[in-house]
Amino acid sequence: MSQYDLTEFLKLSSVLNYNLSAASLNRYNVMMYIIGGKALDQNASKDREKKGLIMDALGYLFSAYQQKRRHLGPMAVLHPLRATAIFARNQKRLNIVGLLSVLFHDIMEDINSNDFDAGQWLDMEGRLYSLLERMPDEAEAELLSYIIALTRTERESYYQYIGRLLESASDSPQLVHVKLADRLDNTLDMRIDLEDPLAGIDFFKNVFQLMFVNNYRGYVPSNEHSPASAMNGARRLHQLFKNTVLLSLIRQHQPIGDDQALRVLFEAVCDASLKEAQRTLMHLLGYHFKALPEQRKLILEAMDYCFSGRIDLVTKPDREQLLDGLFSTYFASNFKKVLHRQLDILYQNKPLMIQASIAFVVIFLHFLNDAKYYVHGISSEGIEPR
């Protein structure tokens, strides 16, 4: 699977959704599809035992998530299943702790007793304890430590959470693989589309023609504007900001070295984010801000800003530069109400959204071009304008 290919991601989602919708759910088929048919142990007996654990974990998740839905509407259980599939496809050898940590990475945040009656909750706890008891003590302890590290507490900012996770990963590098697989799934899971909106569109050709070809008529989408969804462009840009935070902190704390799986997942998040920034920009140019002279002006301003190096820093607001203060003003708040209000303000500012999309294209290209690149001013304590 091309990890950042939205079309392949949609296929992955449809296969899993088709199996989950079947009258008689075949957990074995779901499990084998997620792990790509790989063995979990060279010993045939132990392999069957470990696969039995994964199948029981799937059964627990299907019961735990029940009718819970993702923000855009699909079944919530698809997220841990897809994230595990992404994780598994990037590991040379699979281990039970790694797989279970991805499957369970959200249960402490998503699943609580309020969703069940007393009898159901007691049964759920019993099934989980039974599953854990079947693991060797060392593996059980490692899994529980992984789940705790992957769970963001109510008192933590996103920056503090990622910082704590990376501290834990100094002894357990696999944790970073899990988090990157989680973020990759979240990045790809921002649209309900039949196909990739970029399919058949040469992004860089369109931008080149806009800037240099005087008889270019502008980008004209092939379809009418779709109805508004639960996740608009400003909220998609916020997800790209979260990826910027994660990748910047990884670069500061976690050397990739010879870890091929880490490198692949890191670059996949970059590629997926790069593509999403391109989709957002083309959508804005095609539907919301169509005047070509104004488009050129905004792109030229963004080009000068990026070339100046200011895009490599967290900046303070400035009346002359639209992009100054983008992170610190619109994305930085740790309070949901404030964050949502700022994102609503950003959504109304289409020129800034155009430049922000370009900025993210440049940021993720920088991550791919320079192994030491990160956005300065981002730390586990938060963001500090430079």
Protein backbone atom coordinates (compact mmCIF):
# COMPACT_ATOMS: atom_id res chain seq x y z
CA MET A 1 0.00 0.00 0.00
CA SER A 2 1.28 3.47 -0.88
CA GLN A 3 1.04 4.88 2.61
CA TYR A 4 0.10 8.40 1.53
CA ASP A 5 -2.15 7.41 -1.40
CA LEU A 6 -5.72 8.44 -0.58
CA THR A 7 -7.14 6.06 -3.19
CA GLU A 8 -5.43 3.07 -1.56
CA PHE A 9 -6.59 4.32 1.84
CA LEU A 10 -10.19 4.44 0.59
CA LYS A 11 -9.81 0.84 -0.63
CA LEU A 12 -8.47 -0.22 2.77
CA SER A 13 -11.45 1.45 4.44
CA SER A 14 -13.97 -0.14 2.07
CA VAL A 15 -12.57 -3.68 2.52
CA LEU A 16 -12.67 -3.39 6.31
CA ASN A 17 -16.10 -1.75 6.27
CA TYR A 18 -17.45 -4.50 3.97
CA ASN A 19 -16.25 -7.21 6.35
CA LEU A 20 -17.60 -5.39 9.41
CA SER A 21 -20.99 -5.09 7.72
CA ALA A 22 -21.24 -8.80 6.96
CA ALA A 23 -24.05 -10.78 8.60
CA SER A 24 -21.50 -13.15 10.13
CA LEU A 25 -18.29 -11.34 11.02
CA ASN A 26 -15.21 -13.41 10.24
CA ARG A 27 -12.61 -12.10 12.69
CA TYR A 28 -9.95 -14.36 11.18
CA ASN A 29 -10.29 -12.76 7.74
CA VAL A 30 -10.21 -9.27 9.25
CA MET A 31 -7.15 -10.15 11.31
CA MET A 32 -5.27 -11.68 8.37
CA TYR A 33 -6.08 -8.70 6.16
CA ILE A 34 -4.83 -6.25 8.80
CA ILE A 35 -1.51 -8.08 9.34
CA GLY A 36 -1.08 -8.72 5.61
CA GLY A 37 -1.01 -12.49 6.07
CA LYS A 38 2.25 -12.32 8.03
CA ALA A 39 3.20 -14.84 10.70
CA LEU A 40 3.40 -13.65 14.30
CA ASP A 41 5.81 -16.39 15.36
CA GLN A 42 8.06 -18.90 13.61
CA ASN A 43 6.62 -21.63 15.81
CA ALA A 44 3.29 -22.71 14.29
CA SER A 45 1.65 -23.37 17.67
CA LYS A 46 2.72 -20.00 19.10
CA ASP A 47 1.67 -18.30 15.87
CA ARG A 48 -1.87 -19.67 16.25
CA GLU A 49 -1.92 -18.63 19.90
CA LYS A 50 -0.87 -15.06 19.14
CA LYS A 51 -3.32 -14.78 16.26
CA GLY A 52 -6.01 -16.00 18.63
CA LEU A 53 -5.12 -13.09 20.95
CA ILE A 54 -5.46 -10.63 18.06
CA MET A 55 -8.83 -12.10 17.11
CA ASP A 56 -10.05 -11.77 20.72
CA ALA A 57 -8.77 -8.18 20.77
CA LEU A 58 -10.79 -7.51 17.62
CA GLY A 59 -13.87 -9.03 19.24
CA TYR A 60 -13.38 -6.76 22.24
CA LEU A 61 -13.02 -3.68 20.03
CA PHE A 62 -16.13 -4.52 17.98
CA SER A 63 -18.13 -4.72 21.22
CA ALA A 64 -16.46 -1.70 22.82
CA TYR A 65 -16.98 0.68 19.93
CA GLN A 66 -20.45 -0.65 19.03
CA GLN A 67 -22.23 2.20 17.21
CA LYS A 68 -19.60 4.90 17.91
CA ARG A 69 -18.86 7.05 14.88
CA ARG A 70 -15.91 9.05 13.59
CA HIS A 71 -16.25 12.81 13.18
CA LEU A 72 -17.26 12.42 9.53
CA GLY A 73 -19.66 9.54 10.19
CA PRO A 74 -17.92 6.18 9.50
CA MET A 75 -17.70 3.54 12.22
CA ALA A 76 -15.15 4.58 14.85
CA VAL A 77 -13.66 1.08 15.08
CA LEU A 78 -12.27 1.53 11.55
CA HIS A 79 -9.60 3.90 12.89
CA PRO A 80 -7.70 1.44 15.13
CA LEU A 81 -8.10 -1.29 12.48
CA ARG A 82 -6.70 0.86 9.69
CA ALA A 83 -3.91 2.27 11.88
CA THR A 84 -2.90 -1.29 12.77
CA ALA A 85 -2.90 -2.28 9.09
CA ILE A 86 -0.68 0.72 8.26
CA PHE A 87 1.62 -0.17 11.17
CA ALA A 88 1.79 -3.86 10.21
CA ARG A 89 2.63 -3.17 6.58
CA ASN A 90 5.74 -1.25 7.69
CA GLN A 91 7.20 -3.84 10.06
CA LYS A 92 9.58 -6.55 8.90
CA ARG A 93 8.56 -8.67 11.87
CA LEU A 94 5.35 -8.30 13.80
CA ASN A 95 5.11 -8.68 17.56
CA ILE A 96 2.02 -9.05 19.68
CA VAL A 97 2.72 -6.00 21.87
CA GLY A 98 3.11 -3.69 18.88
CA LEU A 99 -0.10 -4.88 17.22
CA LEU A 100 -2.18 -4.73 20.39
CA SER A 101 -0.82 -1.29 21.27
CA VAL A 102 -2.09 0.11 17.95
CA LEU A 103 -5.44 -1.66 18.28
CA PHE A 104 -5.88 -0.36 21.84
CA HIS A 105 -4.16 3.03 21.51
CA ASP A 106 -7.42 4.98 21.95
CA ILE A 107 -9.44 2.79 24.31
CA MET A 108 -8.68 4.79 27.45
CA GLU A 109 -9.92 7.96 25.73
CA ASP A 110 -12.79 6.47 23.69
CA ILE A 111 -14.29 3.76 25.90
CA ASN A 112 -15.83 4.37 29.32
CA SER A 113 -18.51 2.89 31.56
CA ASN A 114 -21.08 5.55 30.63
CA ASP A 115 -21.53 3.86 27.24
CA PHE A 116 -22.72 0.55 28.77
CA ASP A 117 -25.07 -0.75 31.39
CA ALA A 118 -23.50 -2.29 34.51
CA GLY A 119 -23.69 -5.86 33.23
CA GLN A 120 -22.19 -5.02 29.83
CA TRP A 121 -19.34 -3.06 31.40
CA LEU A 122 -18.54 -5.92 33.80
CA ASP A 123 -18.44 -8.31 30.84
CA MET A 124 -16.21 -5.91 28.87
CA GLU A 125 -13.74 -5.62 31.75
CA GLY A 126 -13.69 -9.39 32.19
CA ARG A 127 -12.91 -9.96 28.51
CA LEU A 128 -10.07 -7.44 28.59
CA TYR A 129 -8.55 -8.85 31.79
CA SER A 130 -8.82 -12.36 30.37
CA LEU A 131 -6.98 -11.29 27.23
CA LEU A 132 -4.20 -9.65 29.24
CA GLU A 133 -3.82 -12.68 31.53
CA ARG A 134 -3.06 -14.86 28.52
CA MET A 135 0.04 -12.78 27.78
CA PRO A 136 3.42 -13.35 29.43
CA ASP A 137 3.90 -10.99 32.39
CA GLU A 138 6.63 -9.00 30.67
CA ALA A 139 4.58 -8.54 27.48
CA GLU A 140 1.50 -7.55 29.49
CA ALA A 141 3.46 -4.93 31.43
CA GLU A 142 4.98 -3.59 28.21
CA LEU A 143 1.57 -3.34 26.54
CA LEU A 144 0.05 -1.48 29.48
CA SER A 145 2.98 0.96 29.53
CA TYR A 146 2.50 1.56 25.80
CA ILE A 147 -1.21 2.27 26.20
CA ILE A 148 -0.53 4.71 29.04
CA ALA A 149 2.14 6.48 26.98
CA LEU A 150 -0.22 6.73 23.98
CA THR A 151 -3.10 8.17 26.03
CA ARG A 152 -3.37 11.93 26.34
CA THR A 153 -4.68 13.04 29.71
CA GLU A 154 -7.18 15.85 30.17
CA ARG A 155 -4.57 18.08 31.82
CA GLU A 156 -1.99 17.71 29.05
CA SER A 157 -1.55 19.98 26.07
CA TYR A 158 -0.88 18.23 22.77
CA TYR A 159 2.75 19.38 22.99
CA GLN A 160 3.20 17.95 26.49
CA TYR A 161 1.55 14.70 25.44
CA ILE A 162 3.86 14.21 22.45
CA GLY A 163 6.88 15.18 24.58
CA ARG A 164 5.95 12.59 27.22
CA LEU A 165 5.38 9.94 24.56
CA LEU A 166 8.78 10.61 23.02
CA GLU A 167 10.43 10.38 26.44
CA SER A 168 8.84 6.94 26.85
CA ALA A 169 9.98 6.03 23.35
CA SER A 170 13.63 6.48 24.31
CA ASP A 171 13.36 2.96 25.77
CA SER A 172 10.59 1.75 23.40
CA PRO A 173 11.15 3.13 19.86
CA GLN A 174 8.16 1.15 18.59
CA LEU A 175 5.92 3.73 20.30
CA VAL A 176 6.88 6.30 17.67
CA HIS A 177 5.89 3.86 14.90
CA VAL A 178 2.49 3.47 16.56
CA LYS A 179 1.96 7.22 16.88
CA LEU A 180 2.97 7.88 13.28
CA ALA A 181 0.58 5.18 12.05
CA ASP A 182 -2.16 6.81 14.13
CA ARG A 183 -1.44 10.28 12.70
CA LEU A 184 -1.19 8.92 9.16
CA ASP A 185 -4.64 7.39 9.45
CA ASN A 186 -6.03 10.61 10.93
CA THR A 187 -4.49 12.61 8.09
CA LEU A 188 -5.98 10.42 5.38
CA ASP A 189 -9.32 10.21 7.19
CA MET A 190 -10.37 13.83 6.64
CA ARG A 191 -12.58 13.43 3.58
CA ILE A 192 -15.62 11.43 2.49
CA ASP A 193 -14.91 11.08 -1.22
CA LEU A 194 -15.41 8.50 -3.94
CA GLU A 195 -11.88 9.22 -5.18
CA ASP A 196 -8.94 11.45 -4.43
CA PRO A 197 -9.86 15.08 -5.29
CA LEU A 198 -6.32 15.41 -6.71
CA ALA A 199 -6.87 12.52 -9.14
CA GLY A 200 -6.15 13.74 -12.67
CA ILE A 201 -4.90 17.13 -11.42
CA ASP A 202 -1.26 18.17 -11.85
CA PHE A 203 -0.89 20.48 -8.86
CA PHE A 204 2.48 21.98 -9.76
CA LYS A 205 1.50 22.43 -13.43
CA ASN A 206 -1.53 24.45 -12.37
CA VAL A 207 0.52 26.64 -10.04
CA PHE A 208 3.20 27.14 -12.72
CA GLN A 209 0.63 28.20 -15.30
CA LEU A 210 -1.02 30.57 -12.85
CA MET A 211 2.30 32.30 -12.21
CA PHE A 212 3.86 32.30 -15.71
CA VAL A 213 1.31 31.67 -18.48
CA ASN A 214 -0.66 34.80 -19.31
CA ASN A 215 -3.50 33.01 -21.12
CA TYR A 216 -4.10 30.46 -18.34
CA ARG A 217 -7.81 30.46 -17.53
CA GLY A 218 -7.44 29.23 -13.98
CA TYR A 219 -8.21 25.94 -12.33
CA VAL A 220 -11.78 24.83 -13.03
CA PRO A 221 -12.99 21.86 -10.96
CA SER A 222 -14.74 19.09 -12.88
CA ASN A 223 -17.47 18.75 -10.24
CA GLU A 224 -19.79 21.16 -8.49
CA HIS A 225 -18.97 22.16 -4.93
CA SER A 226 -19.98 19.32 -2.63
CA PRO A 227 -22.22 19.97 0.39
CA ALA A 228 -20.47 21.22 3.52
CA SER A 229 -18.98 18.44 5.64
CA ALA A 230 -18.25 18.19 9.36
CA MET A 231 -14.58 18.99 8.67
CA ASN A 232 -13.93 22.16 6.73
CA GLY A 233 -10.64 23.45 5.32
CA ALA A 234 -9.61 25.30 8.47
CA ARG A 235 -9.97 22.14 10.55
CA ARG A 236 -7.98 20.18 7.99
CA LEU A 237 -5.22 22.76 8.24
CA HIS A 238 -5.28 22.31 12.02
CA GLN A 239 -4.63 18.59 11.53
CA LEU A 240 -1.63 19.50 9.37
CA PHE A 241 -0.43 21.73 12.20
CA LYS A 242 -0.64 18.76 14.59
CA ASN A 243 1.48 16.76 12.14
CA THR A 244 3.98 19.64 12.05
CA VAL A 245 4.19 19.54 15.84
CA LEU A 246 4.67 15.76 15.93
CA LEU A 247 7.31 15.70 13.18
CA SER A 248 9.17 18.69 14.68
CA LEU A 249 9.31 17.08 18.11
CA ILE A 250 10.40 13.73 16.66
CA ARG A 251 13.22 15.51 14.83
CA GLN A 252 14.33 17.12 18.10
CA HIS A 253 14.04 14.01 20.30
CA GLN A 254 14.16 10.83 18.22
CA PRO A 255 17.01 10.19 15.75
CA ILE A 256 15.80 7.95 12.92
CA GLY A 257 19.20 6.38 12.28
CA ASP A 258 18.87 2.94 10.66
CA ASP A 259 15.22 2.49 11.69
CA GLN A 260 13.76 1.90 8.22
CA ALA A 261 10.17 1.49 9.46
CA LEU A 262 10.38 4.81 11.32
CA ARG A 263 11.76 6.55 8.24
CA VAL A 264 9.00 5.15 6.00
CA LEU A 265 6.22 6.16 8.40
CA PHE A 266 7.75 9.61 9.01
CA GLU A 267 7.97 10.29 5.28
CA ALA A 268 4.50 8.87 4.72
CA VAL A 269 3.02 11.40 7.16
CA CYS A 270 4.95 14.12 5.32
CA ASP A 271 3.66 12.94 1.94
CA ALA A 272 0.07 12.57 3.13
CA SER A 273 0.18 16.03 4.70
CA LEU A 274 1.73 17.51 1.56
CA LYS A 275 -1.05 16.05 -0.58
CA GLU A 276 -3.75 17.31 1.80
CA ALA A 277 -2.31 20.83 1.69
CA GLN A 278 -2.43 20.63 -2.11
CA ARG A 279 -6.06 19.46 -2.07
CA THR A 280 -7.01 22.33 0.22
CA LEU A 281 -5.28 24.91 -1.98
CA MET A 282 -6.85 23.64 -5.22
CA HIS A 283 -10.27 23.60 -3.56
CA LEU A 284 -9.86 27.22 -2.47
CA LEU A 285 -8.67 28.34 -5.91
CA GLY A 286 -11.38 26.42 -7.73
CA TYR A 287 -14.41 27.26 -5.60
CA HIS A 288 -13.82 30.14 -3.17
CA PHE A 289 -11.27 32.62 -4.49
CA LYS A 290 -11.31 32.64 -8.31
CA ALA A 291 -9.81 36.02 -9.28
CA LEU A 292 -6.50 35.15 -11.00
CA PRO A 293 -4.70 38.46 -10.28
CA GLU A 294 -5.48 38.09 -6.57
CA GLN A 295 -4.41 34.43 -6.63
CA ARG A 296 -1.04 35.42 -8.16
CA LYS A 297 -0.56 38.19 -5.63
CA LEU A 298 -1.19 35.84 -2.68
CA ILE A 299 1.13 33.17 -4.07
CA LEU A 300 3.92 35.70 -4.68
CA GLU A 301 3.57 37.02 -1.13
CA ALA A 302 3.69 33.45 0.23
CA MET A 303 6.74 32.69 -1.94
CA ASP A 304 8.64 35.69 -0.58
CA TYR A 305 7.62 34.78 2.97
CA CYS A 306 8.78 31.18 2.63
CA PHE A 307 12.05 32.15 0.91
CA SER A 308 12.80 34.59 3.74
CA GLY A 309 12.89 31.62 6.15
CA ARG A 310 10.05 32.90 8.31
CA ILE A 311 8.02 29.77 7.57
CA ASP A 312 10.65 27.82 9.53
CA LEU A 313 9.72 29.70 12.71
CA VAL A 314 6.70 30.19 14.94
CA THR A 315 5.96 33.90 14.51
CA LYS A 316 3.93 36.64 16.16
CA PRO A 317 1.02 38.33 14.34
CA ASP A 318 1.99 41.16 11.99
CA ARG A 319 -0.31 43.58 10.21
CA GLU A 320 1.72 43.43 6.99
CA GLN A 321 2.24 39.67 6.63
CA LEU A 322 -0.81 37.39 6.55
CA LEU A 323 1.24 34.34 7.53
CA ASP A 324 2.88 35.91 10.57
CA GLY A 325 1.17 34.53 13.65
CA LEU A 326 -0.58 31.68 11.78
CA PHE A 327 0.43 29.01 14.32
CA SER A 328 0.36 31.17 17.44
CA THR A 329 -3.00 32.80 16.63
CA TYR A 330 -5.14 30.09 15.05
CA PHE A 331 -3.77 26.68 16.08
CA ALA A 332 -1.98 27.06 19.41
CA SER A 333 -4.76 27.14 22.01
CA ASN A 334 -5.10 24.18 24.38
CA PHE A 335 -8.74 25.06 25.09
CA LYS A 336 -11.22 23.49 22.66
CA LYS A 337 -13.71 26.37 22.68
CA VAL A 338 -10.99 28.93 21.96
CA LEU A 339 -9.40 26.72 19.31
CA HIS A 340 -12.73 26.14 17.52
CA ARG A 341 -13.50 29.85 17.61
CA GLN A 342 -10.12 30.69 16.07
CA LEU A 343 -10.58 28.02 13.39
CA ASP A 344 -13.97 29.50 12.54
CA ILE A 345 -12.31 32.90 12.13
CA LEU A 346 -9.60 31.36 9.94
CA TYR A 347 -12.25 29.68 7.76
CA GLN A 348 -13.74 33.08 6.94
CA ASN A 349 -10.32 34.39 5.85
CA LYS A 350 -9.87 32.68 2.47
CA PRO A 351 -6.73 34.66 1.45
CA LEU A 352 -4.99 33.50 4.64
CA MET A 353 -6.17 29.94 4.07
CA ILE A 354 -4.64 30.04 0.57
CA GLN A 355 -1.31 31.22 1.95
CA ALA A 356 -1.51 28.76 4.86
CA SER A 357 -2.01 25.88 2.41
CA ILE A 358 1.07 26.99 0.48
CA ALA A 359 3.01 27.31 3.73
CA PHE A 360 2.19 23.72 4.67
CA VAL A 361 3.22 22.51 1.20
CA VAL A 362 6.60 24.16 1.80
CA ILE A 363 6.91 22.91 5.39
CA PHE A 364 6.36 19.26 4.46
CA LEU A 365 8.69 19.54 1.46
CA HIS A 366 11.30 20.92 3.88
CA PHE A 367 10.81 17.87 6.13
CA LEU A 368 11.36 15.59 3.12
CA ASN A 369 14.35 17.53 1.75
CA ASP A 370 16.30 18.07 4.98
CA ALA A 371 16.79 15.30 7.56
CA LYS A 372 17.48 17.89 10.27
CA TYR A 373 14.59 20.26 9.53
CA TYR A 374 11.95 21.20 12.09
CA VAL A 375 9.91 24.31 12.84
CA HIS A 376 11.73 26.35 15.47
CA GLY A 377 9.62 27.56 18.36
CA ILE A 378 7.83 24.20 18.77
CA SER A 379 8.74 22.28 21.92
CA SER A 380 7.08 19.94 24.38
CA GLU A 381 6.24 23.01 26.46
CA GLY A 382 4.18 24.53 23.66
CA ILE A 383 4.91 27.02 20.93
CA GLU A 384 6.95 30.17 21.44
CA PRO A 385 7.06 32.84 18.71
CA ARG A 386 10.57 33.74 17.59
